[in-house]
C-alpha atoms as a PDB file:
ATOM      1  CA  MET A   1       0.137   0.072  -0.130  1.00  0.00           C
ATOM      2  CA  ALA A   2       1.778   3.602  -0.986  1.00  0.00           C
ATOM      3  CA  LEU A   3       1.857   6.021   1.697  1.00  0.00           C
ATOM      4  CA  GLU A   4       1.399   9.451   1.031  1.00  0.00           C
ATOM      5  CA  ALA A   5       1.956  12.224   4.003  1.00  0.00           C
ATOM      6  CA  ILE A   6      -1.010  13.602   5.861  1.00  0.00           C
ATOM      7  CA  GLU A   7      -1.196  17.862   5.912  1.00  0.00           C
ATOM      8  CA  PRO A   8      -3.180  19.615   8.225  1.00  0.00           C
ATOM      9  CA  ARG A   9      -6.492  21.152   6.499  1.00  0.00           C
ATOM     10  CA  ARG A  10      -7.004  24.588   6.098  1.00  0.00           C
ATOM     11  CA  LEU A  11      -9.472  25.967   9.063  1.00  0.00           C
ATOM     12  CA  TYR A  12     -11.340  27.189   6.358  1.00  0.00           C
ATOM     13  CA  ARG A  13     -11.582  24.036   4.414  1.00  0.00           C
ATOM     14  CA  GLN A  14     -12.806  21.990   7.681  1.00  0.00           C
ATOM     15  CA  VAL A  15     -15.319  24.820   8.019  1.00  0.00           C
ATOM     16  CA  ALA A  16     -16.925  24.393   4.573  1.00  0.00           C
ATOM     17  CA  ASP A  17     -16.343  20.624   5.231  1.00  0.00           C
ATOM     18  CA  GLN A  18     -18.313  21.286   8.407  1.00  0.00           C
ATOM     19  CA  ILE A  19     -21.350  22.956   6.486  1.00  0.00           C
ATOM     20  CA  ARG A  20     -21.342  20.917   3.666  1.00  0.00           C
ATOM     21  CA  THR A  21     -22.256  17.687   6.596  1.00  0.00           C
ATOM     22  CA  TYR A  22     -25.049  20.015   8.008  1.00  0.00           C
ATOM     23  CA  LEU A  23     -26.237  20.255   4.366  1.00  0.00           C
ATOM     24  CA  ASP A  24     -26.173  16.839   3.426  1.00  0.00           C
ATOM     25  CA  THR A  25     -28.682  16.097   6.850  1.00  0.00           C
ATOM     26  CA  GLY A  26     -31.308  17.661   4.809  1.00  0.00           C
ATOM     27  CA  ALA A  27     -32.223  20.383   7.652  1.00  0.00           C
ATOM     28  CA  LEU A  28     -32.154  23.005   4.825  1.00  0.00           C
ATOM     29  CA  PRO A  29     -34.656  22.658   1.623  1.00  0.00           C
ATOM     30  CA  VAL A  30     -33.168  24.012  -1.626  1.00  0.00           C
ATOM     31  CA  GLY A  31     -33.791  28.036  -1.498  1.00  0.00           C
ATOM     32  CA  ALA A  32     -33.392  28.485   2.024  1.00  0.00           C
ATOM     33  CA  ARG A  33     -31.631  30.940   3.102  1.00  0.00           C
ATOM     34  CA  LEU A  34     -28.531  29.969   5.745  1.00  0.00           C
ATOM     35  CA  PRO A  35     -27.728  31.551   8.660  1.00  0.00           C
ATOM     36  CA  THR A  36     -25.853  34.976   8.282  1.00  0.00           C
ATOM     37  CA  GLU A  37     -21.665  35.046   8.001  1.00  0.00           C
ATOM     38  CA  ARG A  38     -21.905  36.712  11.561  1.00  0.00           C
ATOM     39  CA  GLU A  39     -24.561  34.207  13.258  1.00  0.00           C
ATOM     40  CA  LEU A  40     -22.440  30.990  11.491  1.00  0.00           C
ATOM     41  CA  ALA A  41     -19.304  32.750  13.125  1.00  0.00           C
ATOM     42  CA  GLU A  42     -20.399  32.880  16.469  1.00  0.00           C
ATOM     43  CA  LYS A  43     -21.503  28.996  16.030  1.00  0.00           C
ATOM     44  CA  LEU A  44     -18.391  27.810  14.840  1.00  0.00           C
ATOM     45  CA  ASN A  45     -15.891  29.939  17.245  1.00  0.00           C
ATOM     46  CA  VAL A  46     -14.052  31.244  14.203  1.00  0.00           C
ATOM     47  CA  SER A  47     -13.323  34.214  12.505  1.00  0.00           C
ATOM     48  CA  ARG A  48     -15.892  36.089   9.656  1.00  0.00           C
ATOM     49  CA  PRO A  49     -13.053  36.261   7.365  1.00  0.00           C
ATOM     50  CA  THR A  50     -12.644  32.074   7.799  1.00  0.00           C
ATOM     51  CA  ILE A  51     -16.652  31.788   7.157  1.00  0.00           C
ATOM     52  CA  ARG A  52     -16.444  33.933   4.398  1.00  0.00           C
ATOM     53  CA  GLU A  53     -13.639  32.033   2.905  1.00  0.00           C
ATOM     54  CA  ALA A  54     -15.786  28.765   3.758  1.00  0.00           C
ATOM     55  CA  LEU A  55     -18.636  29.921   1.895  1.00  0.00           C
ATOM     56  CA  ILE A  56     -16.902  31.382  -1.182  1.00  0.00           C
ATOM     57  CA  ALA A  57     -15.328  27.717  -1.195  1.00  0.00           C
ATOM     58  CA  LEU A  58     -19.034  25.864  -1.018  1.00  0.00           C
ATOM     59  CA  GLU A  59     -20.296  28.852  -3.979  1.00  0.00           C
ATOM     60  CA  VAL A  60     -17.467  27.166  -6.249  1.00  0.00           C
ATOM     61  CA  GLU A  61     -18.778  23.777  -5.491  1.00  0.00           C
ATOM     62  CA  GLY A  62     -21.724  24.736  -6.109  1.00  0.00           C
ATOM     63  CA  ARG A  63     -23.683  24.089  -2.805  1.00  0.00           C
ATOM     64  CA  ILE A  64     -24.972  27.193  -1.911  1.00  0.00           C
ATOM     65  CA  ARG A  65     -25.624  30.697  -3.967  1.00  0.00           C
ATOM     66  CA  ILE A  66     -24.513  34.159  -2.042  1.00  0.00           C
ATOM     67  CA  ARG A  67     -26.716  36.921  -3.545  1.00  0.00           C
ATOM     68  CA  VAL A  68     -25.070  40.292  -2.229  1.00  0.00           C
ATOM     69  CA  GLY A  69     -27.858  42.464  -0.673  1.00  0.00           C
ATOM     70  CA  SER A  70     -29.915  38.992  -0.148  1.00  0.00           C
ATOM     71  CA  GLY A  71     -27.702  36.621   2.006  1.00  0.00           C
ATOM     72  CA  ILE A  72     -26.387  33.116   1.143  1.00  0.00           C
ATOM     73  CA  TYR A  73     -29.275  30.245   0.287  1.00  0.00           C
ATOM     74  CA  VAL A  74     -28.809  26.431  -0.256  1.00  0.00           C
ATOM     75  CA  SER A  75     -28.437  25.203  -3.816  1.00  0.00           C
ATOM     76  CA  GLU A  76     -29.378  21.871  -5.917  1.00  0.00           C
ATOM     77  CA  PRO A  77     -26.181  19.869  -5.056  1.00  0.00           C
ATOM     78  CA  PRO A  78     -24.958  19.388  -8.706  1.00  0.00           C
ATOM     79  CA  ALA A  79     -24.546  16.133 -10.323  1.00  0.00           C
ATOM     80  CA  HIS A  80     -21.030  15.996 -10.287  1.00  0.00           C
ATOM     81  CA  ALA A  81     -18.884  18.470  -7.728  1.00  0.00           C
ATOM     82  CA  PRO A  82     -15.941  19.859  -9.348  1.00  0.00           C
ATOM     83  CA  HIS A  83     -12.595  19.583  -7.976  1.00  0.00           C
ATOM     84  CA  THR A  84     -10.660  22.204  -7.011  1.00  0.00           C
ATOM     85  CA  GLY A  85      -7.720  21.356  -4.330  1.00  0.00           C
ATOM     86  CA  GLU A  86      -6.837  22.269  -2.008  1.00  0.00           C
ATOM     87  CA  HIS A  87      -5.992  26.196  -2.667  1.00  0.00           C
ATOM     88  CA  GLU A  88      -4.909  29.363  -0.269  1.00  0.00           C
ATOM     89  CA  GLY A  89      -7.956  31.355   1.343  1.00  0.00           C
ATOM     90  CA  PRO A  90      -8.258  35.112  -0.366  1.00  0.00           C
ATOM     91  CA  PHE A  91      -7.643  36.406   2.749  1.00  0.00           C
ATOM     92  CA  GLU A  92      -4.633  34.085   3.913  1.00  0.00           C
ATOM     93  CA  LEU A  93      -3.169  35.351   0.965  1.00  0.00           C
ATOM     94  CA  LEU A  94      -3.517  38.753   0.927  1.00  0.00           C
ATOM     95  CA  ARG A  95      -2.294  38.610   4.717  1.00  0.00           C
ATOM     96  CA  ALA A  96       1.013  36.661   3.670  1.00  0.00           C
ATOM     97  CA  ARG A  97       1.709  39.879   0.626  1.00  0.00           C
ATOM     98  CA  ALA A  98       0.815  42.237   3.209  1.00  0.00           C
ATOM     99  CA  HIS A  99       4.132  41.376   4.997  1.00  0.00           C
ATOM    100  CA  ILE A 100       6.295  40.141   2.282  1.00  0.00           C
ATOM    101  CA  GLU A 101       6.001  42.847   0.129  1.00  0.00           C
ATOM    102  CA  GLY A 102       5.652  45.165   2.880  1.00  0.00           C
ATOM    103  CA  ALA A 103       9.656  44.542   3.545  1.00  0.00           C
ATOM    104  CA  ILE A 104      10.105  44.394   0.274  1.00  0.00           C
ATOM    105  CA  VAL A 105       8.747  47.788  -0.812  1.00  0.00           C
ATOM    106  CA  ALA A 106      10.429  49.297   2.135  1.00  0.00           C
ATOM    107  CA  GLU A 107      13.987  47.963   1.280  1.00  0.00           C
ATOM    108  CA  ALA A 108      13.195  49.204  -2.570  1.00  0.00           C
ATOM    109  CA  ALA A 109      12.650  52.913  -1.296  1.00  0.00           C
ATOM    110  CA  ILE A 110      16.078  53.049  -0.614  1.00  0.00           C
ATOM    111  CA  LEU A 111      16.914  51.429  -4.090  1.00  0.00           C
ATOM    112  CA  VAL A 112      14.566  53.300  -6.300  1.00  0.00           C
ATOM    113  CA  GLU A 113      15.785  55.543  -8.972  1.00  0.00           C
ATOM    114  CA  ALA A 114      14.029  57.624 -11.664  1.00  0.00           C
ATOM    115  CA  HIS A 115      14.082  55.268 -14.530  1.00  0.00           C
ATOM    116  CA  HIS A 116      11.827  52.323 -11.858  1.00  0.00           C
ATOM    117  CA  LEU A 117       9.552  55.696 -11.191  1.00  0.00           C
ATOM    118  CA  HIS A 118       9.163  56.019 -15.104  1.00  0.00           C
ATOM    119  CA  MET A 119       8.129  52.187 -15.237  1.00  0.00           C
ATOM    120  CA  LEU A 120       5.242  52.689 -12.693  1.00  0.00           C
ATOM    121  CA  ASP A 121       4.261  55.739 -14.071  1.00  0.00           C
ATOM    122  CA  ALA A 122       3.314  53.980 -17.202  1.00  0.00           C
ATOM    123  CA  LEU A 123       1.785  51.899 -15.552  1.00  0.00           C
ATOM    124  CA  LEU A 124      -0.838  54.310 -13.814  1.00  0.00           C
ATOM    125  CA  ASP A 125      -1.468  55.807 -16.741  1.00  0.00           C
ATOM    126  CA  LEU A 126      -2.769  52.852 -17.811  1.00  0.00           C
ATOM    127  CA  MET A 127      -4.380  52.256 -14.781  1.00  0.00           C
ATOM    128  CA  SER A 128      -6.367  55.303 -14.834  1.00  0.00           C
ATOM    129  CA  VAL A 129      -7.790  54.707 -17.697  1.00  0.00           C
ATOM    130  CA  ARG A 130      -8.777  50.592 -17.526  1.00  0.00           C
ATOM    131  CA  THR A 131     -10.705  50.666 -14.343  1.00  0.00           C
ATOM    132  CA  ASP A 132     -13.453  49.574 -16.083  1.00  0.00           C
ATOM    133  CA  ASN A 133     -11.945  46.262 -17.257  1.00  0.00           C
ATOM    134  CA  ASP A 134     -11.715  43.871 -15.062  1.00  0.00           C
ATOM    135  CA  GLU A 135      -9.618  41.364 -16.870  1.00  0.00           C
ATOM    136  CA  GLU A 136      -6.834  44.382 -17.675  1.00  0.00           C
ATOM    137  CA  MET A 137      -6.934  45.740 -13.903  1.00  0.00           C
ATOM    138  CA  ILE A 138      -5.652  42.502 -13.025  1.00  0.00           C
ATOM    139  CA  ARG A 139      -3.055  42.436 -15.184  1.00  0.00           C
ATOM    140  CA  LEU A 140      -1.767  45.715 -14.578  1.00  0.00           C
ATOM    141  CA  ASP A 141      -2.133  45.053 -10.837  1.00  0.00           C
ATOM    142  CA  ARG A 142       0.317  42.076 -10.846  1.00  0.00           C
ATOM    143  CA  ASP A 143       2.937  44.223 -13.296  1.00  0.00           C
ATOM    144  CA  PHE A 144       2.869  47.285 -11.006  1.00  0.00           C
ATOM    145  CA  HIS A 145       3.591  44.839  -8.267  1.00  0.00           C
ATOM    146  CA  VAL A 146       6.544  42.850  -9.833  1.00  0.00           C
ATOM    147  CA  ALA A 147       8.162  46.238 -11.426  1.00  0.00           C
ATOM    148  CA  MET A 148       7.940  47.095  -7.698  1.00  0.00           C
ATOM    149  CA  ALA A 149       9.922  43.675  -6.523  1.00  0.00           C
ATOM    150  CA  SER A 150      11.966  44.101  -9.175  1.00  0.00           C
ATOM    151  CA  ILE A 151      13.489  47.384  -8.119  1.00  0.00           C
ATOM    152  CA  LEU A 152      15.730  45.216  -5.870  1.00  0.00           C
ATOM    153  CA  GLY A 153      17.111  43.278  -8.603  1.00  0.00           C
ATOM    154  CA  ASN A 154      17.052  39.945  -7.242  1.00  0.00           C
ATOM    155  CA  SER A 155      14.916  37.694  -9.509  1.00  0.00           C
ATOM    156  CA  VAL A 156      14.244  35.595  -7.588  1.00  0.00           C
ATOM    157  CA  ILE A 157      11.907  37.902  -4.962  1.00  0.00           C
ATOM    158  CA  THR A 158      10.552  39.488  -8.372  1.00  0.00           C
ATOM    159  CA  ARG A 159       9.637  36.029  -9.580  1.00  0.00           C
ATOM    160  CA  MET A 160       8.361  34.978  -5.937  1.00  0.00           C
ATOM    161  CA  VAL A 161       5.907  38.143  -5.713  1.00  0.00           C
ATOM    162  CA  GLY A 162       4.365  37.543  -9.638  1.00  0.00           C
ATOM    163  CA  GLU A 163       4.053  33.892  -8.463  1.00  0.00           C
ATOM    164  CA  LEU A 164       2.306  35.033  -5.240  1.00  0.00           C
ATOM    165  CA  PHE A 165      -0.090  37.465  -7.373  1.00  0.00           C
ATOM    166  CA  ASP A 166      -0.833  34.841  -9.553  1.00  0.00           C
ATOM    167  CA  LYS A 167      -2.448  32.674  -6.497  1.00  0.00           C
ATOM    168  CA  ARG A 168      -4.981  35.260  -6.940  1.00  0.00           C
ATOM    169  CA  MET A 169      -6.124  33.217 -10.261  1.00  0.00           C
ATOM    170  CA  SER A 170      -7.676  30.201  -7.886  1.00  0.00           C
ATOM    171  CA  PRO A 171     -11.463  29.646  -8.302  1.00  0.00           C
ATOM    172  CA  TYR A 172     -11.997  30.736  -4.568  1.00  0.00           C
ATOM    173  CA  PHE A 173     -10.162  33.841  -4.920  1.00  0.00           C
ATOM    174  CA  GLY A 174     -11.584  34.316  -8.620  1.00  0.00           C
ATOM    175  CA  GLN A 175     -15.533  33.630  -6.949  1.00  0.00           C
ATOM    176  CA  LEU A 176     -14.980  36.128  -4.254  1.00  0.00           C
ATOM    177  CA  ALA A 177     -13.684  38.914  -6.458  1.00  0.00           C
ATOM    178  CA  ALA A 178     -16.468  38.564  -8.677  1.00  0.00           C
ATOM    179  CA  HIS A 179     -18.717  39.641  -6.183  1.00  0.00           C
ATOM    180  CA  PHE A 180     -16.946  42.858  -5.019  1.00  0.00           C
ATOM    181  CA  GLU A 181     -14.920  44.120  -7.815  1.00  0.00           C
ATOM    182  CA  ASP A 182     -15.983  46.802 -10.139  1.00  0.00           C
ATOM    183  CA  GLU A 183     -14.814  49.978 -11.408  1.00  0.00           C
ATOM    184  CA  THR A 184     -15.656  51.912  -7.736  1.00  0.00           C
ATOM    185  CA  SER A 185     -13.515  49.206  -6.127  1.00  0.00           C
ATOM    186  CA  TRP A 186     -10.533  49.098  -9.102  1.00  0.00           C
ATOM    187  CA  ARG A 187     -10.362  53.021  -8.827  1.00  0.00           C
ATOM    188  CA  HIS A 188      -9.729  52.982  -5.288  1.00  0.00           C
ATOM    189  CA  ALA A 189      -7.261  50.450  -5.981  1.00  0.00           C
ATOM    190  CA  PHE A 190      -4.829  52.624  -8.282  1.00  0.00           C
ATOM    191  CA  GLU A 191      -5.135  55.862  -6.041  1.00  0.00           C
ATOM    192  CA  GLU A 192      -3.689  53.051  -3.835  1.00  0.00           C
ATOM    193  CA  HIS A 193      -0.889  52.315  -5.910  1.00  0.00           C
ATOM    194  CA  ARG A 194      -0.166  55.988  -6.531  1.00  0.00           C
ATOM    195  CA  ALA A 195       0.368  56.243  -3.124  1.00  0.00           C
ATOM    196  CA  ILE A 196       2.869  54.002  -3.050  1.00  0.00           C
ATOM    197  CA  ARG A 197       4.612  55.139  -5.818  1.00  0.00           C
ATOM    198  CA  ASN A 198       4.640  58.428  -4.569  1.00  0.00           C
ATOM    199  CA  ALA A 199       6.245  57.176  -0.780  1.00  0.00           C
ATOM    200  CA  LEU A 200       8.798  55.464  -3.195  1.00  0.00           C
ATOM    201  CA  ALA A 201       9.390  58.408  -4.527  1.00  0.00           C
ATOM    202  CA  ALA A 202       9.702  59.913  -1.524  1.00  0.00           C
ATOM    203  CA  ARG A 203      12.337  57.595  -0.588  1.00  0.00           C
ATOM    204  CA  ASP A 204      10.754  56.843   2.304  1.00  0.00           C
ATOM    205  CA  PRO A 205      10.825  53.283   3.405  1.00  0.00           C
ATOM    206  CA  VAL A 206       8.713  53.218   6.526  1.00  0.00           C
ATOM    207  CA  LEU A 207       6.120  55.692   4.400  1.00  0.00           C
ATOM    208  CA  ALA A 208       6.280  52.764   1.515  1.00  0.00           C
ATOM    209  CA  ARG A 209       5.926  50.239   3.441  1.00  0.00           C
ATOM    210  CA  ASP A 210       2.519  51.710   5.344  1.00  0.00           C
ATOM    211  CA  ALA A 211       0.958  52.222   1.889  1.00  0.00           C
ATOM    212  CA  LEU A 212       1.247  48.818   0.595  1.00  0.00           C
ATOM    213  CA  ARG A 213      -0.198  48.057   3.270  1.00  0.00           C
ATOM    214  CA  ARG A 214      -2.698  49.868   3.982  1.00  0.00           C
ATOM    215  CA  HIS A 215      -3.364  48.911   0.053  1.00  0.00           C
ATOM    216  CA  LEU A 216      -3.868  44.922   0.752  1.00  0.00           C
ATOM    217  CA  SER A 217      -5.377  45.724   3.830  1.00  0.00           C
ATOM    218  CA  ALA A 218      -8.190  47.609   1.891  1.00  0.00           C
ATOM    219  CA  SER A 219      -8.063  44.910  -0.490  1.00  0.00           C
ATOM    220  CA  GLN A 220      -9.454  42.469   2.197  1.00  0.00           C
ATOM    221  CA  GLU A 221     -11.617  45.184   3.628  1.00  0.00           C
ATOM    222  CA  ARG A 222     -13.518  45.320   0.054  1.00  0.00           C
ATOM    223  CA  PHE A 223     -13.548  41.599  -0.224  1.00  0.00           C
ATOM    224  CA  SER A 224     -15.344  41.687   3.386  1.00  0.00           C
ATOM    225  CA  ARG A 225     -18.435  44.124   2.517  1.00  0.00           C
ATOM    226  CA  SER A 226     -21.165  42.842   3.931  1.00  0.00           C
ATOM    227  CA  PHE A 227     -23.829  40.039   1.547  1.00  0.00           C
ATOM    228  CA  GLY A 228     -26.205  42.169   2.691  1.00  0.00           C
ATOM    229  CA  GLU A 229     -28.146  39.486   4.596  1.00  0.00           C
ATOM    230  CA  GLY A 230     -30.363  39.878   7.155  1.00  0.00           C
ATOM    231  CA  ASP A 231     -33.069  38.183   9.486  1.00  0.00           C
ATOM    232  CA  SER A 232     -35.996  38.582   7.697  1.00  0.00           C
ATOM    233  CA  ALA A 233     -39.226  36.249   9.023  1.00  0.00           C
ATOM    234  CA  SER A 234     -40.725  35.519   5.575  1.00  0.00           C
ATOM    235  CA  GLU A 235     -37.175  33.600   4.659  1.00  0.00           C
ATOM    236  CA  GLU A 236     -37.689  30.219   5.178  1.00  0.00           C
ATOM    237  CA  ARG A 237     -35.043  29.140   8.131  1.00  0.00           C
ATOM    238  CA  PRO A 238     -36.066  25.861  10.241  1.00  0.00           C
ATOM    239  CA  SER A 239     -35.506  25.912  13.786  1.00  0.00           C
ATOM    240  CA  SER A 240     -34.860  22.720  14.221  1.00  0.00           C
ATOM    241  CA  SER A 241     -32.222  22.925  12.400  1.00  0.00           C
ATOM    242  CA  PRO A 242     -29.479  20.324  13.613  1.00  0.00           C
ATOM    243  CA  PRO A 243     -26.277  21.945  15.362  1.00  0.00           C
ATOM    244  CA  LEU A 244     -23.439  23.359  13.498  1.00  0.00           C
ATOM    245  CA  ARG A 245     -20.119  21.505  15.631  1.00  0.00           C
ATOM    246  CA  LEU A 246     -16.534  22.477  14.343  1.00  0.00           C
ATOM    247  CA  PRO A 247     -14.264  19.240  14.108  1.00  0.00           C
ATOM    248  CA  ALA A 248     -11.779  19.116  16.021  1.00  0.00           C
ATOM    249  CA  THR A 249      -8.326  20.391  14.437  1.00  0.00           C
ATOM    250  CA  GLY A 250      -6.220  18.990  16.806  1.00  0.00           C
END
């Protein structure tokens, strides 16, 4: 028998497993609304970002449907669940980037030269007129972050930043972004990128690091906007539903 290493599952995947098991009991019929993010976080004693990552994973699987402005609803289980694999959660990725790229941009503020700023300015010029095109903005966003990393002149660091950014192409990150990315959010992101560029031009490592971290923190906040679910009495939510319990992680 071939043996494989056992890796601990990410917390949001454990939460998704528990909610999926809950749905499999049939306690909530198709079309019924799930408890709110806040209620699920309280029941399972985990953070709301973890709940959101779990819900997005279940939406990718086709088990639920998220309607921003309304709530989270049970879907008919698909005949064949898509195989999505194990991915970093979107918020886990953004937090990691804030730490790693924050250190990189602080170093870049010491090494930046005029031609680096010209390169960033060219990307910002393109961003300013592309905020209505999600696909183009994602490409320019990646180019901007990679260009900042390239200031250090270290190909490993430059490649690492590009690879970190590319992890946002996972189905989970893509599904989350589909709910919240629009021309307004890209316009805010553009202004945040310009603040990073200005901090680099000022050759201020602390200012540059803080501007980068504010940008990625603001991204988390944009992706954390409420789904808009309420507690309308008209929505179906059985009072005798089985309790949700998070499996032991030890």
